[in-house]
Amino acid sequence: MSTAADTPLLELRGIVKRFGAARALAGVDFSLRRGEIHALCGENGAGKSTLMKIIDGIHPPDEGEILLEGQRVEIAGPADAMRLGIGLVHQEIALCGDATVAENIFMAEINASRSAWVDYRALEQRAAAVLARLGQHIDPRARVDALGISSQQLVEIAKALTLNCKLLILDEPTAALTEPESVALFRVLHDLRLRGLGIIYISHRMAEIFEHCDRATVLRDGRDVFCGPLARTTPDALVRAMVGRELSQYYPPKCAPAAEPPECLLDVEALGDGVRVHEVSFQLRRGEILGISGLMGAGRSELAELVCGLRRARRGRVSLRGRALRLRRYADALRHGIAYLSEDRKAAGVFLELPVAQNVSAMALGRVSSRWGLLRQREERRLAGELGSALRLRCASVDMITGGLSGGNQQKVAIAKLLATRPAVLLMDEPTRGVDVGAKSEIHHLLRDLVSQGVGVIVISSDLPEIIGLCDRALVIHEGRIAGELASEHMSEEALLRLASGFTAQEQQRCPN
């Protein structure tokens, strides 16, 4: 006879969800136990987000049933899910930018209160205590729109921790976090698990999944194709279940060493803004992918913004093919062939409310307009289809609203938007953040193909294996300055982290790998 302890905390049976003629979920079964961290894996578009939105009451299932603690429930909306003890932290930041950190963390409590009086001092003290559990000291009085992406993600997580939920869903929670922030988060998650909380953990990071999760369920094309203990499987087997094929090589082969130094494509000399970046010099050579690594806040993104005119330089020079450029704004960089992919896809990567085709052509209207300046919609759709096909974009049509795509496919639209400008140099800030292993490999191969065609590529990434596996050289930034440079054969996570932490080149050489 089964007991209450044996009853799953959450059980989904035969969940089906259709959006028009498209079937997003085709009879999915899923269960979550008390005191378990359960990984939900799958490529972008496999149905993970749809399934989580059904659990959170955003979408009703067309078929199937949901059982919570053995009782069948119908979840009418997010407020209903919250009342039932379900908390969801979305991958995309969904905070009120003009409200304070404390107000965002306790938004649900404030809205539920019938009192016109809010004790802000007490609210801020409680918010500080929740953030301290995550090892953070973010000012509870700060406006959210003044925070970086990493801090905003931590506020989202802190908000979920205040809901006193019994079931917590985390969608790519560490995508924007530094290593210490991720360690603090997992410490909290393991503590919650010991208290009997059930946690659904969505991530594309295999190392995190195998280190911290108990079981995994894999979705592919809207179906559950695997469920089992992680102790009895391997990362390769999990990836095969996700993509339905072998991924024999995550990263494409690197360029062979040239007999003579290749042509310098981009030359940056003593560039700085006097605040976050100080006298940085480097060269990007033809035929290579140059990586930029460093800890969060070291100045990586700020450097990219200086190079492409999004941030005003106080000193220094940027030259393209030997010609010094005058970059007062981003439009100047684009005109010269320098394009930048922001790490913040939602705010600066794509127009979520516009169709895919209009996103792709947004910065290259000249390519899809007549000589009289009239938009040629057929040419716009053709361009979007061509670039979407090259990126293996998964969407029903280029007329589909971009906000309706999965996060990984939105990232592909953002990349297609840059490629439409026919760039000479691409600066890619976290190009595969929130992207599944299959799409990540496709993007890596695309970048290598672009390099072989003469495009210069700079990849800024906090994913050290990506820097090591993809890049031919890597620059490491520490406190706004270049701490060192590593050739491909000398790259390791230890070497990159030492430089990022402020080791000098001499100290680096004395440290064994």
Protein backbone atom coordinates (compact mmCIF):
# COMPACT_ATOMS: atom_id res chain seq x y z
CA MET A 1 0.00 0.00 0.00
CA SER A 2 1.38 3.41 -0.99
CA THR A 3 1.76 6.06 1.68
CA ALA A 4 1.64 9.83 1.51
CA ALA A 5 5.44 9.81 1.47
CA ASP A 6 5.37 7.66 -1.68
CA THR A 7 2.93 9.97 -3.48
CA PRO A 8 4.71 12.31 -5.90
CA LEU A 9 4.57 15.98 -5.00
CA LEU A 10 3.59 16.70 -8.60
CA GLU A 11 2.42 14.36 -11.32
CA LEU A 12 1.51 15.18 -14.91
CA ARG A 13 -0.29 12.55 -16.95
CA GLY A 14 -0.71 12.62 -20.71
CA ILE A 15 -0.37 16.40 -21.09
CA VAL A 16 -1.26 17.63 -24.58
CA LYS A 17 -1.06 21.25 -25.72
CA ARG A 18 -1.80 22.65 -29.16
CA PHE A 19 -1.33 26.15 -30.54
CA GLY A 20 -3.45 26.21 -33.66
CA ALA A 21 -2.27 23.39 -35.93
CA ALA A 22 1.06 23.07 -34.06
CA ARG A 23 1.24 20.52 -31.24
CA ALA A 24 3.69 21.72 -28.59
CA LEU A 25 3.17 18.77 -26.20
CA ALA A 26 2.07 15.30 -27.27
CA GLY A 27 1.09 13.29 -24.18
CA VAL A 28 3.86 14.18 -21.71
CA ASP A 29 4.20 12.33 -18.39
CA PHE A 30 6.27 13.87 -15.62
CA SER A 31 6.63 13.45 -11.86
CA LEU A 32 8.44 15.34 -9.12
CA ARG A 33 9.16 13.94 -5.65
CA ARG A 34 9.50 15.79 -2.37
CA GLY A 35 13.09 16.69 -1.57
CA GLU A 36 14.23 16.21 -5.17
CA ILE A 37 16.01 18.41 -7.70
CA HIS A 38 14.71 17.15 -11.02
CA ALA A 39 16.38 18.35 -14.24
CA LEU A 40 14.15 19.05 -17.23
CA CYS A 41 16.23 18.89 -20.40
CA GLY A 42 15.65 19.31 -24.11
CA GLU A 43 16.52 21.45 -27.09
CA ASN A 44 14.95 24.87 -27.50
CA GLY A 45 11.46 24.31 -28.83
CA ALA A 46 11.20 20.81 -27.32
CA GLY A 47 8.30 21.87 -25.06
CA LYS A 48 10.00 22.65 -21.74
CA SER A 49 8.69 26.20 -21.41
CA THR A 50 5.17 25.16 -22.48
CA LEU A 51 5.13 22.41 -19.85
CA MET A 52 6.27 24.82 -17.13
CA LYS A 53 3.65 27.38 -18.16
CA ILE A 54 1.00 24.69 -17.80
CA ILE A 55 2.23 23.93 -14.27
CA ASP A 56 2.17 27.67 -13.50
CA GLY A 57 -1.35 28.08 -14.90
CA ILE A 58 -0.34 30.36 -17.79
CA HIS A 59 -1.63 27.81 -20.32
CA PRO A 60 -4.40 25.24 -19.67
CA PRO A 61 -3.67 21.73 -21.02
CA ASP A 62 -5.86 20.56 -23.92
CA GLU A 63 -5.69 16.99 -22.61
CA GLY A 64 -4.30 15.22 -19.57
CA GLU A 65 -4.38 15.85 -15.83
CA ILE A 66 -2.30 17.48 -13.12
CA LEU A 67 -2.04 15.97 -9.63
CA LEU A 68 -0.57 17.91 -6.71
CA GLU A 69 0.15 15.77 -3.63
CA GLY A 70 -2.08 13.08 -5.12
CA GLN A 71 -5.07 15.37 -5.69
CA ARG A 72 -6.21 16.37 -9.16
CA VAL A 73 -6.04 20.15 -9.61
CA GLU A 74 -6.92 22.70 -12.26
CA ILE A 75 -4.58 25.68 -12.17
CA ALA A 76 -6.46 28.74 -13.35
CA GLY A 77 -3.51 31.13 -13.54
CA PRO A 78 -0.21 32.17 -11.91
CA ALA A 79 -2.01 33.55 -8.84
CA ASP A 80 -3.75 30.19 -8.44
CA ALA A 81 -0.41 28.40 -8.83
CA MET A 82 1.10 30.64 -6.16
CA ARG A 83 -1.80 29.83 -3.82
CA LEU A 84 -1.11 26.12 -4.38
CA GLY A 85 2.56 26.60 -3.45
CA ILE A 86 4.09 26.70 -6.94
CA GLY A 87 6.84 29.24 -7.67
CA LEU A 88 8.31 29.86 -11.14
CA VAL A 89 11.47 31.83 -11.93
CA HIS A 90 11.41 32.60 -15.66
CA GLN A 91 14.52 32.63 -17.81
CA GLU A 92 13.61 36.09 -19.08
CA ILE A 93 13.69 38.77 -16.38
CA ALA A 94 10.14 39.82 -15.44
CA LEU A 95 10.64 42.51 -12.81
CA CYS A 96 9.24 46.04 -12.51
CA GLY A 97 12.17 48.24 -13.46
CA ASP A 98 10.90 51.41 -11.80
CA ALA A 99 10.27 49.68 -8.45
CA THR A 100 12.89 48.97 -5.80
CA VAL A 101 14.50 45.62 -5.13
CA ALA A 102 12.48 45.20 -1.91
CA GLU A 103 9.21 46.11 -3.66
CA ASN A 104 9.88 43.57 -6.40
CA ILE A 105 10.76 40.79 -3.98
CA PHE A 106 7.54 41.27 -1.99
CA MET A 107 5.31 42.40 -4.86
CA ALA A 108 2.78 39.60 -4.35
CA GLU A 109 2.53 40.34 -0.62
CA ILE A 110 2.05 44.08 -1.23
CA ASN A 111 -0.65 43.44 -3.83
CA ALA A 112 -2.48 41.01 -1.54
CA SER A 113 -2.47 43.42 1.39
CA ARG A 114 -5.63 45.46 1.98
CA SER A 115 -3.76 48.06 3.97
CA ALA A 116 -2.83 51.40 2.43
CA TRP A 117 0.23 51.50 4.72
CA VAL A 118 3.51 49.77 3.75
CA ASP A 119 6.33 49.53 6.27
CA TYR A 120 9.17 50.05 3.81
CA ARG A 121 11.88 49.83 6.42
CA ALA A 122 10.72 46.38 7.52
CA LEU A 123 10.31 45.37 3.88
CA GLU A 124 13.88 46.38 3.10
CA GLN A 125 15.24 44.51 6.13
CA ARG A 126 13.41 41.34 5.09
CA ALA A 127 14.63 41.73 1.51
CA ALA A 128 18.21 42.12 2.70
CA ALA A 129 17.85 38.91 4.75
CA VAL A 130 16.58 36.94 1.74
CA LEU A 131 19.40 38.25 -0.44
CA ALA A 132 21.90 37.37 2.28
CA ARG A 133 20.75 33.73 1.99
CA LEU A 134 21.98 33.93 -1.61
CA GLY A 135 25.26 35.45 -0.45
CA GLN A 136 24.36 38.84 -1.92
CA HIS A 137 24.46 42.38 -0.58
CA ILE A 138 22.33 44.12 -3.19
CA ASP A 139 20.84 47.37 -1.87
CA PRO A 140 17.10 46.67 -1.23
CA ARG A 141 16.35 50.36 -1.90
CA ALA A 142 17.94 50.36 -5.37
CA ARG A 143 15.72 50.58 -8.44
CA VAL A 144 15.79 47.33 -10.40
CA ASP A 145 16.47 49.06 -13.73
CA ALA A 146 19.75 50.36 -12.25
CA LEU A 147 20.99 46.79 -11.66
CA GLY A 148 22.94 44.57 -14.04
CA ILE A 149 21.49 41.37 -15.52
CA SER A 150 23.23 39.20 -12.94
CA SER A 151 21.76 41.15 -9.99
CA GLN A 152 18.29 41.21 -11.58
CA GLN A 153 18.37 37.42 -11.93
CA LEU A 154 19.23 37.09 -8.23
CA VAL A 155 16.32 39.38 -7.34
CA GLU A 156 14.02 37.09 -9.37
CA ILE A 157 15.29 34.08 -7.41
CA ALA A 158 14.99 35.91 -4.07
CA LYS A 159 11.40 36.81 -4.98
CA ALA A 160 10.56 33.13 -5.50
CA LEU A 161 12.15 32.16 -2.18
CA THR A 162 9.73 34.45 -0.29
CA LEU A 163 6.61 32.71 -1.62
CA ASN A 164 6.81 29.87 0.89
CA CYS A 165 6.30 27.46 -1.99
CA LYS A 166 6.47 23.67 -1.88
CA LEU A 167 7.40 23.38 -5.55
CA LEU A 168 10.00 25.67 -7.18
CA ILE A 169 10.66 25.86 -10.93
CA LEU A 170 13.92 27.45 -12.06
CA ASP A 171 14.44 28.15 -15.78
CA GLU A 172 18.15 28.68 -16.59
CA PRO A 173 18.79 30.41 -13.23
CA THR A 174 22.59 30.50 -13.52
CA ALA A 175 22.79 31.74 -17.13
CA ALA A 176 23.62 35.28 -15.99
CA LEU A 177 25.38 34.44 -12.70
CA THR A 178 29.05 34.40 -11.80
CA GLU A 179 30.62 31.27 -10.37
CA PRO A 180 30.42 32.48 -6.71
CA GLU A 181 26.77 33.51 -7.23
CA SER A 182 25.97 30.10 -8.70
CA VAL A 183 27.66 28.34 -5.77
CA ALA A 184 25.56 30.39 -3.32
CA LEU A 185 22.38 29.56 -5.25
CA PHE A 186 23.05 25.82 -5.21
CA ARG A 187 23.76 25.99 -1.48
CA VAL A 188 20.27 27.41 -1.01
CA LEU A 189 18.69 24.84 -3.34
CA HIS A 190 20.27 21.94 -1.47
CA ASP A 191 19.00 23.44 1.80
CA LEU A 192 15.48 23.69 0.34
CA ARG A 193 15.69 20.09 -0.84
CA LEU A 194 16.56 18.94 2.68
CA ARG A 195 13.39 20.72 3.88
CA GLY A 196 11.30 18.62 1.47
CA LEU A 197 10.85 21.14 -1.33
CA GLY A 198 10.55 19.77 -4.86
CA ILE A 199 12.64 21.65 -7.44
CA ILE A 200 12.35 21.48 -11.23
CA TYR A 201 15.65 22.67 -12.68
CA ILE A 202 15.86 23.65 -16.35
CA SER A 203 19.38 24.09 -17.68
CA HIS A 204 21.57 23.37 -20.70
CA ARG A 205 24.67 23.09 -18.51
CA MET A 206 25.50 19.40 -18.19
CA ALA A 207 28.03 19.92 -15.39
CA GLU A 208 25.40 21.62 -13.19
CA ILE A 209 22.80 18.97 -13.93
CA PHE A 210 25.03 16.03 -13.09
CA GLU A 211 26.50 17.68 -9.97
CA HIS A 212 23.29 18.93 -8.36
CA CYS A 213 20.25 17.06 -9.74
CA ASP A 214 18.83 13.70 -8.73
CA ARG A 215 16.80 12.71 -11.79
CA ALA A 216 16.33 14.03 -15.31
CA THR A 217 13.47 14.04 -17.78
CA VAL A 218 14.23 14.77 -21.43
CA LEU A 219 11.69 16.26 -23.83
CA ARG A 220 12.11 16.02 -27.59
CA ASP A 221 9.57 17.31 -30.11
CA GLY A 222 6.92 17.64 -27.40
CA ARG A 223 7.32 14.10 -26.01
CA ASP A 224 9.10 12.71 -22.96
CA VAL A 225 11.80 10.40 -24.31
CA PHE A 226 13.81 9.71 -21.16
CA CYS A 227 13.37 9.78 -17.39
CA GLY A 228 15.75 8.29 -14.89
CA PRO A 229 18.35 8.78 -12.15
CA LEU A 230 21.38 10.75 -13.27
CA ALA A 231 23.64 8.34 -11.40
CA ARG A 232 22.73 5.71 -14.01
CA THR A 233 23.38 7.72 -17.16
CA THR A 234 26.06 9.92 -18.74
CA PRO A 235 26.17 13.43 -20.23
CA ASP A 236 26.65 11.96 -23.72
CA ALA A 237 23.62 9.70 -23.32
CA LEU A 238 21.52 12.64 -22.10
CA VAL A 239 22.62 14.78 -25.06
CA ARG A 240 21.76 11.96 -27.49
CA ALA A 241 18.29 11.75 -25.97
CA MET A 242 17.86 15.53 -26.31
CA VAL A 243 18.94 15.93 -29.93
CA GLY A 244 18.03 12.49 -31.30
CA ARG A 245 21.44 12.18 -32.93
CA GLU A 246 25.14 11.96 -32.12
CA LEU A 247 26.97 15.21 -31.44
CA SER A 248 30.39 13.84 -32.26
CA GLN A 249 32.02 17.23 -31.85
CA TYR A 250 30.65 20.13 -29.85
CA TYR A 251 33.22 22.53 -31.27
CA PRO A 252 34.47 22.83 -34.86
CA PRO A 253 38.20 22.38 -35.54
CA LYS A 254 40.28 25.46 -34.82
CA CYS A 255 42.34 27.17 -37.50
CA ALA A 256 45.77 25.69 -38.18
CA PRO A 257 48.75 27.86 -37.12
CA ALA A 258 49.88 30.03 -40.03
CA ALA A 259 53.48 30.18 -41.21
CA GLU A 260 53.30 33.98 -41.08
CA PRO A 261 51.14 36.18 -38.85
CA PRO A 262 47.74 36.67 -40.53
CA GLU A 263 46.51 40.10 -41.56
CA CYS A 264 45.35 42.34 -38.72
CA LEU A 265 41.64 42.97 -39.23
CA LEU A 266 40.81 45.02 -36.13
CA ASP A 267 43.38 46.99 -34.15
CA VAL A 268 42.46 48.47 -30.77
CA GLU A 269 45.04 50.80 -29.20
CA ALA A 270 45.00 52.12 -25.60
CA LEU A 271 41.18 52.23 -25.57
CA GLY A 272 39.43 53.36 -22.40
CA ASP A 273 36.53 55.30 -20.93
CA GLY A 274 38.34 56.27 -17.74
CA VAL A 275 35.76 54.45 -15.61
CA ARG A 276 35.35 50.74 -16.44
CA VAL A 277 37.98 50.17 -19.15
CA HIS A 278 41.59 51.42 -19.01
CA GLU A 279 44.06 51.56 -21.92
CA VAL A 280 43.19 48.23 -23.52
CA SER A 281 45.12 47.23 -26.65
CA PHE A 282 44.68 44.11 -28.78
CA GLN A 283 44.44 42.89 -32.37
CA LEU A 284 41.94 40.63 -34.08
CA ARG A 285 43.56 38.71 -36.92
CA ARG A 286 41.93 37.35 -40.03
CA GLY A 287 40.93 33.69 -39.74
CA GLU A 288 40.68 33.48 -35.94
CA ILE A 289 38.06 33.60 -33.22
CA LEU A 290 39.30 35.78 -30.38
CA GLY A 291 37.86 35.09 -26.93
CA ILE A 292 37.45 37.64 -24.16
CA SER A 293 37.15 36.17 -20.68
CA GLY A 294 37.01 37.57 -17.17
CA LEU A 295 34.85 37.71 -14.08
CA MET A 296 31.48 39.46 -14.09
CA GLY A 297 32.01 43.20 -13.73
CA ALA A 298 35.58 43.07 -15.04
CA GLY A 299 34.74 45.28 -18.03
CA ARG A 300 34.23 42.70 -20.81
CA SER A 301 30.92 44.08 -22.12
CA GLU A 302 32.03 47.67 -21.59
CA LEU A 303 35.07 47.00 -23.78
CA ALA A 304 32.85 45.66 -26.56
CA GLU A 305 30.59 48.72 -26.26
CA LEU A 306 33.63 51.01 -26.64
CA VAL A 307 34.79 49.16 -29.75
CA CYS A 308 31.40 49.52 -31.44
CA GLY A 309 30.53 53.07 -30.39
CA LEU A 310 27.85 52.26 -27.83
CA ARG A 311 30.04 53.76 -25.09
CA ARG A 312 32.01 56.99 -25.52
CA ALA A 313 35.78 56.49 -25.42
CA ARG A 314 37.89 59.07 -23.60
CA ARG A 315 41.08 57.89 -25.22
CA GLY A 316 42.45 55.34 -27.62
CA ARG A 317 41.83 54.34 -31.21
CA VAL A 318 39.95 51.62 -33.13
CA SER A 319 41.21 50.79 -36.64
CA LEU A 320 39.69 48.46 -39.22
CA ARG A 321 42.05 47.08 -41.89
CA GLY A 322 44.56 49.81 -41.02
CA ARG A 323 42.08 52.69 -41.19
CA ALA A 324 41.33 54.62 -37.99
CA LEU A 325 37.60 54.90 -37.32
CA ARG A 326 35.65 57.75 -35.77
CA LEU A 327 32.94 56.07 -33.69
CA ARG A 328 30.53 58.50 -32.05
CA ARG A 329 27.58 56.12 -32.01
CA TYR A 330 26.64 52.56 -32.91
CA ALA A 331 25.41 53.62 -36.37
CA ASP A 332 28.99 54.65 -37.21
CA ALA A 333 30.28 51.18 -36.28
CA LEU A 334 27.57 49.47 -38.34
CA ARG A 335 28.39 51.63 -41.35
CA HIS A 336 32.01 50.47 -41.15
CA GLY A 337 30.97 46.82 -40.69
CA ILE A 338 31.29 46.31 -36.91
CA ALA A 339 28.22 44.68 -35.33
CA TYR A 340 27.56 43.83 -31.66
CA LEU A 341 25.36 41.14 -30.10
CA SER A 342 24.26 42.28 -26.62
CA GLU A 343 24.22 39.86 -23.70
CA ASP A 344 20.71 41.15 -22.88
CA ARG A 345 18.64 39.51 -25.61
CA LYS A 346 15.30 40.71 -24.29
CA ALA A 347 16.18 44.40 -23.95
CA ALA A 348 18.70 44.89 -26.77
CA GLY A 349 18.76 41.81 -29.00
CA VAL A 350 15.35 41.49 -30.64
CA PHE A 351 12.01 43.26 -30.93
CA LEU A 352 9.80 40.69 -29.21
CA GLU A 353 6.54 42.17 -30.52
CA LEU A 354 7.63 42.11 -34.20
CA PRO A 355 7.69 39.18 -36.66
CA VAL A 356 10.94 37.33 -37.33
CA ALA A 357 11.27 38.85 -40.81
CA GLN A 358 11.05 42.42 -39.53
CA ASN A 359 13.62 41.68 -36.82
CA VAL A 360 16.11 40.25 -39.30
CA SER A 361 15.85 43.23 -41.66
CA ALA A 362 15.74 45.92 -38.94
CA MET A 363 19.39 47.02 -39.33
CA ALA A 364 19.68 46.20 -43.05
CA LEU A 365 16.66 47.93 -44.59
CA GLY A 366 18.75 48.94 -47.59
CA ARG A 367 19.02 45.29 -48.61
CA VAL A 368 15.23 44.84 -48.70
CA SER A 369 14.14 48.23 -50.06
CA SER A 370 13.68 49.51 -53.57
CA ARG A 371 15.80 52.29 -55.07
CA TRP A 372 13.02 54.69 -54.04
CA GLY A 373 13.17 53.54 -50.40
CA LEU A 374 10.05 51.37 -50.46
CA LEU A 375 10.15 48.16 -48.42
CA ARG A 376 10.01 44.99 -50.52
CA GLN A 377 8.28 42.55 -48.19
CA ARG A 378 8.96 39.55 -50.42
CA GLU A 379 12.70 40.30 -50.32
CA GLU A 380 12.48 40.85 -46.54
CA ARG A 381 10.88 37.44 -46.06
CA ARG A 382 13.40 35.81 -48.43
CA LEU A 383 16.34 37.27 -46.46
CA ALA A 384 14.87 36.12 -43.15
CA GLY A 385 14.22 32.65 -44.56
CA GLU A 386 17.75 32.38 -45.94
CA LEU A 387 19.46 33.43 -42.70
CA GLY A 388 16.99 31.45 -40.59
CA SER A 389 17.79 28.33 -42.58
CA ALA A 390 21.54 28.87 -42.14
CA LEU A 391 21.00 29.15 -38.36
CA ARG A 392 18.48 26.27 -38.27
CA LEU A 393 15.89 28.59 -36.80
CA ARG A 394 12.86 26.65 -35.60
CA CYS A 395 9.72 28.63 -36.35
CA ALA A 396 6.53 27.92 -38.26
CA SER A 397 7.02 30.99 -40.47
CA VAL A 398 9.14 34.14 -40.68
CA ASP A 399 5.84 35.97 -40.10
CA MET A 400 5.70 34.50 -36.57
CA ILE A 401 5.97 36.99 -33.68
CA THR A 402 9.48 36.70 -32.23
CA GLY A 403 8.24 36.80 -28.63
CA GLY A 404 6.44 33.50 -29.27
CA LEU A 405 9.71 31.67 -29.97
CA SER A 406 11.77 29.82 -27.40
CA GLY A 407 14.70 31.68 -25.85
CA GLY A 408 17.26 29.86 -27.98
CA ASN A 409 15.41 30.63 -31.19
CA GLN A 410 15.11 34.28 -30.17
CA GLN A 411 18.90 34.25 -29.86
CA LYS A 412 19.19 32.90 -33.39
CA VAL A 413 16.95 35.73 -34.63
CA ALA A 414 19.27 38.23 -32.88
CA ILE A 415 22.28 36.69 -34.64
CA ALA A 416 20.49 36.67 -38.02
CA LYS A 417 19.73 40.36 -37.50
CA LEU A 418 23.47 41.06 -37.27
CA LEU A 419 24.39 38.81 -40.20
CA ALA A 420 21.92 40.73 -42.38
CA THR A 421 24.24 43.76 -42.11
CA ARG A 422 27.07 41.77 -43.79
CA PRO A 423 29.53 42.60 -40.99
CA ALA A 424 33.32 42.65 -41.28
CA VAL A 425 33.67 42.16 -37.50
CA LEU A 426 31.21 40.53 -35.10
CA LEU A 427 31.40 41.11 -31.35
CA MET A 428 29.33 38.38 -29.72
CA ASP A 429 28.54 38.94 -26.02
CA GLU A 430 27.40 35.62 -24.49
CA PRO A 431 26.26 34.27 -27.91
CA THR A 432 25.02 30.91 -26.55
CA ARG A 433 23.54 31.93 -23.19
CA GLY A 434 20.30 30.02 -22.62
CA VAL A 435 20.81 27.97 -25.80
CA ASP A 436 20.56 24.17 -25.85
CA VAL A 437 23.52 21.93 -26.69
CA GLY A 438 22.39 21.23 -30.24
CA ALA A 439 21.81 24.90 -31.11
CA LYS A 440 24.99 25.86 -29.27
CA SER A 441 27.01 23.53 -31.49
CA GLU A 442 25.28 24.96 -34.58
CA ILE A 443 26.18 28.53 -33.53
CA HIS A 444 29.79 27.51 -32.89
CA HIS A 445 30.06 25.97 -36.37
CA LEU A 446 28.41 29.04 -37.91
CA LEU A 447 30.99 31.34 -36.26
CA ARG A 448 33.83 29.16 -37.58
CA ASP A 449 32.28 29.26 -41.08
CA LEU A 450 32.07 33.06 -40.89
CA VAL A 451 35.73 33.25 -39.90
CA SER A 452 36.68 31.05 -42.86
CA GLN A 453 34.87 33.57 -45.09
CA GLY A 454 36.97 36.44 -43.75
CA VAL A 455 34.67 37.81 -41.02
CA GLY A 456 36.40 38.74 -37.76
CA VAL A 457 34.74 37.21 -34.67
CA ILE A 458 35.21 38.17 -31.02
CA VAL A 459 33.40 36.00 -28.46
CA ILE A 460 32.82 37.34 -24.94
CA SER A 461 31.76 34.48 -22.68
CA SER A 462 31.55 33.56 -19.01
CA ASP A 463 31.41 29.89 -20.09
CA LEU A 464 35.05 28.84 -19.75
CA PRO A 465 34.67 25.55 -21.70
CA GLU A 466 33.24 27.63 -24.58
CA ILE A 467 36.28 29.95 -24.56
CA ILE A 468 38.62 26.95 -24.49
CA GLY A 469 36.78 24.84 -27.06
CA LEU A 470 35.92 27.57 -29.56
CA CYS A 471 38.56 30.31 -29.48
CA ASP A 472 42.00 30.39 -31.09
CA ARG A 473 43.28 32.97 -28.60
CA ALA A 474 41.84 34.43 -25.41
CA LEU A 475 42.30 37.78 -23.69
CA VAL A 476 41.50 37.89 -19.98
CA ILE A 477 40.15 41.11 -18.47
CA HIS A 478 40.71 42.05 -14.82
CA GLU A 479 39.39 45.34 -13.42
CA GLY A 480 39.16 46.94 -16.85
CA ARG A 481 42.63 45.98 -18.04
CA ILE A 482 44.04 43.02 -19.96
CA ALA A 483 45.56 40.70 -17.38
CA GLY A 484 47.01 38.34 -19.98
CA GLU A 485 46.65 36.54 -23.28
CA LEU A 486 46.54 32.77 -23.79
CA ALA A 487 47.10 30.83 -27.00
CA SER A 488 44.83 27.87 -27.65
CA GLU A 489 47.35 25.28 -26.46
CA HIS A 490 47.81 27.08 -23.12
CA MET A 491 44.13 27.53 -22.28
CA SER A 492 42.64 25.80 -19.27
CA GLU A 493 39.97 26.76 -16.78
CA GLU A 494 42.63 27.17 -14.10
CA ALA A 495 44.79 29.41 -16.28
CA LEU A 496 41.85 31.60 -17.28
CA LEU A 497 40.61 31.92 -13.70
CA ARG A 498 44.04 32.82 -12.36
CA LEU A 499 44.37 35.71 -14.81
CA ALA A 500 40.76 36.76 -14.20
CA SER A 501 41.50 36.86 -10.46
CA GLY A 502 44.42 39.24 -10.90
CA PHE A 503 47.47 36.98 -11.15
CA THR A 504 50.34 38.61 -13.02
CA ALA A 505 51.84 36.87 -16.04
CA GLN A 506 54.92 35.92 -13.96
CA GLU A 507 52.76 34.44 -11.19
CA GLN A 508 50.75 32.59 -13.84
CA GLN A 509 53.90 30.94 -15.19
CA ARG A 510 54.95 29.82 -11.71
CA CYS A 511 51.56 28.16 -11.02
CA PRO A 512 51.25 24.54 -12.19
CA ASN A 513 48.17 23.69 -14.32
